[in-house]
Amino acid sequence: MARQLDNILEDDIYTGKERRKSSTRSAKAAAGKAPTPKLNEIEKIEEKIKQFTPTPSQKTFINKIRANTLTVVDAHAGVGKTAAALWYFTQEYIANPQMNIMVIRTPVELGDDKIGFLPDSAASKIAPHFESTKALLEQFLGKSKVSADLEKRIHFTIPNFILGRTIDNTLILIDEVQTISSGVLKLLLERVGKNTKVVVAGCSQQMYTNDKKRNGLQDLIHRFFTESTDENGEELLIAKFKDVAIHKFTIDDVQRSDFVKTVIQAYM
């Protein structure tokens, strides 16, 4: 059974001496299987990680990720859902040298704005779509660590490149899921192997395309959760299956700016 939130986020912050000893033991056990940073490098990374302080709602979200294989978050822009997920991921990543981080996203042209053919390699074409998530990983791990582990333990990819694979020992973030079709999202979730966690994140109200087949996020919520209400009449989503959770942020959780809160309210 998962421990209470305060214990997870205060006593087991993954930056103390006890966690570091565990990390060192894991490194020895995995000798020859994965590159392990020197202890002083780990300490530097832990200092970067400690600079991020989750909000109360982000702590609850992180607690759900830790306790479940699949965690779904449908939230407005600017609440820090991606930052919170990657913050948790980077701690597990440093603690266990066998773990990988994978960010999956589908590049989508914005509505009627067509950019046409782009030359160069597939990696160059999709790179701009991952700049924000890469920047967050660099914030937590440092640019040199991300650069050294890119395409080794850290992966940015699109659905086309992972279909047919089994993904073990990986922390997966499927981002902007409202732009992915329900069929493709199903195929992605079927890739989940042993010792793997998945965070499915997006905002079902942020549709950048007129393609009616997209918004796999809403479809996934209907398939995995049942709508209900509490004693106060507030809407609830109850998981239909074990090892699955959902988290909702509110407009009050928006951190980007007060103006973004205004924009969200105007378009609701």
Protein backbone atom coordinates (compact mmCIF):
# COMPACT_ATOMS: atom_id res chain seq x y z
CA MET A 1 0.00 0.00 0.00
CA ALA A 2 1.31 3.44 -0.88
CA ARG A 3 2.39 5.65 1.99
CA GLN A 4 0.69 8.92 2.78
CA LEU A 5 1.57 11.94 0.69
CA ASP A 6 3.49 13.88 3.37
CA ASN A 7 5.79 10.93 4.02
CA ILE A 8 6.50 10.47 0.34
CA LEU A 9 7.23 14.11 -0.34
CA GLU A 10 9.14 14.93 2.87
CA ASP A 11 10.78 11.81 4.32
CA ASP A 12 11.43 10.08 1.02
CA ILE A 13 12.39 13.02 -1.13
CA TYR A 14 15.10 11.02 -2.94
CA THR A 15 17.73 13.58 -2.06
CA GLY A 16 18.86 12.38 1.37
CA LYS A 17 21.75 10.14 2.38
CA GLU A 18 19.63 7.02 2.73
CA ARG A 19 18.32 7.30 -0.81
CA ARG A 20 21.82 7.97 -2.10
CA LYS A 21 23.08 4.77 -0.47
CA SER A 22 20.26 2.88 -2.14
CA SER A 23 21.19 4.47 -5.43
CA THR A 24 24.81 3.41 -4.98
CA ARG A 25 23.78 -0.17 -4.24
CA SER A 26 21.58 -0.16 -7.35
CA ALA A 27 24.50 1.11 -9.36
CA LYS A 28 26.70 -1.72 -8.16
CA ALA A 29 23.99 -4.28 -8.91
CA ALA A 30 23.61 -2.89 -12.40
CA ALA A 31 27.36 -2.72 -13.09
CA GLY A 32 28.01 -3.25 -16.77
CA LYS A 33 24.35 -2.79 -17.68
CA ALA A 34 24.00 0.98 -17.61
CA PRO A 35 26.32 4.00 -17.22
CA THR A 36 26.29 5.35 -13.66
CA PRO A 37 27.32 8.91 -12.80
CA LYS A 38 29.96 9.51 -10.15
CA LEU A 39 28.71 10.37 -6.68
CA ASN A 40 29.65 14.03 -6.97
CA GLU A 41 27.63 14.23 -10.19
CA ILE A 42 24.66 12.67 -8.40
CA GLU A 43 24.97 15.24 -5.64
CA LYS A 44 24.93 18.07 -8.17
CA ILE A 45 21.82 16.65 -9.83
CA GLU A 46 20.10 16.19 -6.47
CA GLU A 47 20.75 19.85 -5.70
CA LYS A 48 19.06 20.82 -8.97
CA ILE A 49 16.09 18.58 -8.18
CA LYS A 50 15.70 20.10 -4.70
CA GLN A 51 15.29 23.56 -6.23
CA PHE A 52 11.82 22.59 -7.45
CA THR A 53 9.08 22.75 -4.81
CA PRO A 54 5.80 21.04 -5.79
CA THR A 55 2.53 22.74 -4.94
CA PRO A 56 0.04 20.82 -2.76
CA SER A 57 -1.89 19.70 -5.86
CA GLN A 58 1.31 18.67 -7.62
CA LYS A 59 2.28 16.62 -4.55
CA THR A 60 -1.02 14.76 -4.73
CA PHE A 61 -0.44 14.17 -8.45
CA ILE A 62 3.09 12.86 -7.81
CA ASN A 63 1.78 10.56 -5.08
CA LYS A 64 -0.66 9.04 -7.57
CA ILE A 65 2.11 8.50 -10.13
CA ARG A 66 4.20 6.68 -7.60
CA ALA A 67 1.33 4.44 -6.49
CA ASN A 68 0.01 3.45 -9.94
CA THR A 69 1.15 2.13 -13.30
CA LEU A 70 -1.08 4.55 -15.23
CA THR A 71 -1.85 8.07 -14.08
CA VAL A 72 -4.05 10.34 -16.18
CA VAL A 73 -4.12 14.11 -15.85
CA ASP A 74 -6.55 16.33 -17.74
CA ALA A 75 -5.69 19.90 -16.79
CA HIS A 76 -5.49 23.45 -18.04
CA ALA A 77 -2.30 25.00 -19.41
CA GLY A 78 0.18 26.36 -16.91
CA VAL A 79 -0.59 24.18 -13.88
CA GLY A 80 2.79 22.42 -14.02
CA LYS A 81 1.55 18.92 -14.79
CA THR A 82 4.52 18.12 -17.06
CA ALA A 83 7.01 19.65 -14.63
CA ALA A 84 5.64 17.66 -11.70
CA ALA A 85 5.71 14.37 -13.63
CA LEU A 86 9.27 14.90 -14.87
CA TRP A 87 10.41 16.00 -11.41
CA TYR A 88 9.28 12.66 -10.05
CA PHE A 89 10.72 10.81 -13.04
CA THR A 90 14.19 12.33 -12.63
CA GLN A 91 14.40 11.20 -9.00
CA GLU A 92 13.61 7.59 -9.94
CA TYR A 93 15.98 7.94 -12.89
CA ILE A 94 18.92 8.93 -10.69
CA ALA A 95 18.10 6.37 -8.00
CA ASN A 96 17.99 3.45 -10.44
CA PRO A 97 20.51 3.42 -13.33
CA GLN A 98 18.42 0.81 -15.13
CA MET A 99 15.46 3.16 -15.53
CA ASN A 100 14.81 5.16 -18.69
CA ILE A 101 12.74 8.24 -19.40
CA MET A 102 10.64 8.42 -22.56
CA VAL A 103 8.57 11.38 -23.71
CA ILE A 104 6.04 10.64 -26.47
CA ARG A 105 4.23 13.32 -28.38
CA THR A 106 2.50 13.65 -31.74
CA PRO A 107 3.55 16.70 -33.80
CA VAL A 108 0.38 18.46 -34.94
CA GLU A 109 -0.01 21.52 -37.13
CA LEU A 110 -2.08 24.22 -35.45
CA GLY A 111 -5.60 24.17 -36.84
CA ASP A 112 -5.67 25.74 -40.28
CA ASP A 113 -2.02 26.90 -40.10
CA LYS A 114 -0.14 24.54 -42.41
CA ILE A 115 3.65 24.70 -42.41
CA GLY A 116 4.15 22.41 -45.37
CA PHE A 117 7.11 20.15 -46.10
CA LEU A 118 10.11 20.34 -43.80
CA PRO A 119 13.48 19.06 -45.03
CA ASP A 120 16.14 17.29 -42.93
CA SER A 121 16.01 14.16 -40.77
CA ALA A 122 13.08 12.90 -38.72
CA ALA A 123 14.94 13.82 -35.53
CA SER A 124 15.37 17.40 -36.71
CA LYS A 125 11.72 17.64 -37.70
CA ILE A 126 10.35 16.51 -34.36
CA ALA A 127 12.96 18.22 -32.13
CA PRO A 128 11.06 21.55 -31.84
CA HIS A 129 8.03 19.73 -30.44
CA PHE A 130 10.08 18.51 -27.47
CA GLU A 131 11.93 21.69 -26.58
CA SER A 132 9.79 22.47 -23.53
CA THR A 133 10.06 18.98 -22.02
CA LYS A 134 13.77 18.81 -22.80
CA ALA A 135 14.26 22.16 -21.03
CA LEU A 136 12.52 20.78 -17.93
CA LEU A 137 14.74 17.70 -17.89
CA GLU A 138 17.78 19.95 -18.24
CA GLN A 139 16.51 22.01 -15.31
CA PHE A 140 16.36 18.91 -13.11
CA LEU A 141 19.31 16.89 -14.44
CA GLY A 142 21.54 19.49 -16.04
CA LYS A 143 22.28 20.00 -19.73
CA SER A 144 25.38 17.80 -19.73
CA LYS A 145 23.55 14.84 -18.19
CA VAL A 146 20.64 15.10 -20.62
CA SER A 147 23.02 15.44 -23.55
CA ALA A 148 25.09 12.43 -22.41
CA ASP A 149 22.03 10.19 -21.92
CA LEU A 150 20.02 11.31 -24.94
CA GLU A 151 19.01 8.32 -27.08
CA LYS A 152 20.56 6.04 -24.44
CA ARG A 153 18.38 6.42 -21.37
CA ILE A 154 16.43 9.54 -22.32
CA HIS A 155 14.21 9.34 -25.38
CA PHE A 156 11.98 11.84 -27.18
CA THR A 157 9.89 10.10 -29.78
CA ILE A 158 6.62 9.98 -31.71
CA PRO A 159 4.16 7.05 -31.79
CA ASN A 160 5.29 5.82 -35.22
CA PHE A 161 8.73 4.95 -33.87
CA ILE A 162 7.67 2.73 -30.97
CA LEU A 163 4.76 0.67 -32.27
CA GLY A 164 5.51 -3.02 -31.99
CA ARG A 165 7.98 -2.59 -29.13
CA THR A 166 7.74 -3.71 -25.52
CA ILE A 167 8.91 -0.97 -23.16
CA ASP A 168 10.36 -2.20 -19.87
CA ASN A 169 12.06 -0.26 -17.05
CA THR A 170 10.82 3.09 -18.33
CA LEU A 171 9.06 6.17 -17.03
CA ILE A 172 6.83 7.27 -19.89
CA LEU A 173 5.20 10.64 -20.35
CA ILE A 174 2.66 10.73 -23.18
CA ASP A 175 2.13 14.46 -23.54
CA GLU A 176 -0.54 16.57 -25.25
CA VAL A 177 -2.71 13.47 -25.49
CA GLN A 178 -5.69 15.46 -26.73
CA THR A 179 -3.86 15.55 -30.08
CA ILE A 180 -3.51 11.75 -30.29
CA SER A 181 -6.27 9.55 -31.68
CA SER A 182 -7.86 6.98 -29.38
CA GLY A 183 -6.59 4.11 -31.56
CA VAL A 184 -2.98 5.28 -31.43
CA LEU A 185 -3.20 5.89 -27.68
CA LYS A 186 -4.43 2.32 -27.20
CA LEU A 187 -1.46 1.02 -29.18
CA LEU A 188 0.93 3.10 -27.08
CA LEU A 189 -0.48 1.80 -23.81
CA GLU A 190 -0.16 -1.74 -25.13
CA ARG A 191 3.62 -1.20 -25.31
CA VAL A 192 3.89 -0.96 -21.51
CA GLY A 193 6.09 -3.72 -20.15
CA LYS A 194 7.55 -4.66 -16.77
CA ASN A 195 8.65 -2.05 -14.24
CA THR A 196 7.20 0.77 -16.33
CA LYS A 197 5.00 3.69 -15.33
CA VAL A 198 2.96 5.89 -17.65
CA VAL A 199 1.66 9.40 -17.22
CA VAL A 200 -0.93 10.43 -19.81
CA ALA A 201 -1.17 14.21 -19.77
CA GLY A 202 -3.12 16.80 -21.69
CA CYS A 203 -6.03 19.20 -21.72
CA SER A 204 -9.15 18.01 -23.47
CA GLN A 205 -10.17 21.65 -24.02
CA GLN A 206 -7.00 22.47 -25.97
CA MET A 207 -7.70 21.22 -29.47
CA TYR A 208 -5.21 22.51 -32.04
CA THR A 209 -6.67 20.67 -34.99
CA ASN A 210 -10.01 20.20 -36.71
CA ASP A 211 -9.35 16.46 -36.99
CA LYS A 212 -12.38 14.90 -35.27
CA LYS A 213 -10.56 11.59 -34.80
CA ARG A 214 -8.23 13.06 -32.22
CA ASN A 215 -8.68 13.77 -28.50
CA GLY A 216 -7.70 10.34 -27.26
CA LEU A 217 -7.61 11.86 -23.79
CA GLN A 218 -11.38 12.16 -23.49
CA ASP A 219 -11.85 8.69 -24.93
CA LEU A 220 -9.35 7.21 -22.46
CA ILE A 221 -11.08 8.86 -19.50
CA HIS A 222 -14.43 7.38 -20.53
CA ARG A 223 -12.90 3.91 -20.90
CA PHE A 224 -10.92 3.84 -17.64
CA PHE A 225 -13.13 5.85 -15.28
CA THR A 226 -16.77 6.08 -14.23
CA GLU A 227 -18.43 9.43 -13.59
CA SER A 228 -19.96 9.87 -10.14
CA THR A 229 -20.65 12.57 -7.54
CA ASP A 230 -19.70 12.99 -3.90
CA GLU A 231 -21.98 13.98 -1.01
CA ASN A 232 -21.61 17.65 -1.97
CA GLY A 233 -22.65 17.03 -5.54
CA GLU A 234 -19.11 17.48 -6.86
CA GLU A 235 -18.22 15.43 -9.94
CA LEU A 236 -15.90 12.49 -9.37
CA LEU A 237 -14.12 10.06 -11.67
CA ILE A 238 -13.82 6.55 -10.21
CA ALA A 239 -11.25 4.17 -11.68
CA LYS A 240 -12.75 1.04 -13.22
CA PHE A 241 -9.48 -0.88 -12.89
CA LYS A 242 -6.75 -1.29 -10.29
CA ASP A 243 -3.36 0.41 -10.67
CA VAL A 244 -4.96 3.36 -12.47
CA ALA A 245 -5.51 6.91 -11.19
CA ILE A 246 -6.60 10.31 -12.44
CA HIS A 247 -5.74 13.78 -11.23
CA LYS A 248 -7.50 17.07 -11.83
CA PHE A 249 -5.96 20.50 -11.40
CA THR A 250 -8.15 23.59 -11.05
CA ILE A 251 -7.83 27.07 -12.49
CA ASP A 252 -6.43 28.16 -9.14
CA ASP A 253 -3.50 25.80 -9.75
CA VAL A 254 -2.39 27.76 -12.85
CA GLN A 255 1.09 29.16 -12.15
CA ARG A 256 1.99 30.70 -15.51
CA SER A 257 0.23 34.03 -14.90
CA ASP A 258 -3.04 35.49 -13.71
CA PHE A 259 -3.79 36.43 -17.30
CA VAL A 260 -3.73 32.77 -18.34
CA LYS A 261 -6.40 32.15 -15.70
CA THR A 262 -8.45 34.90 -17.34
CA VAL A 263 -7.97 33.36 -20.78
CA ILE A 264 -9.05 29.93 -19.55
CA GLN A 265 -12.18 31.35 -17.94
CA ALA A 266 -13.02 33.31 -21.10
CA TYR A 267 -12.87 30.19 -23.28
CA MET A 268 -14.70 27.81 -20.95
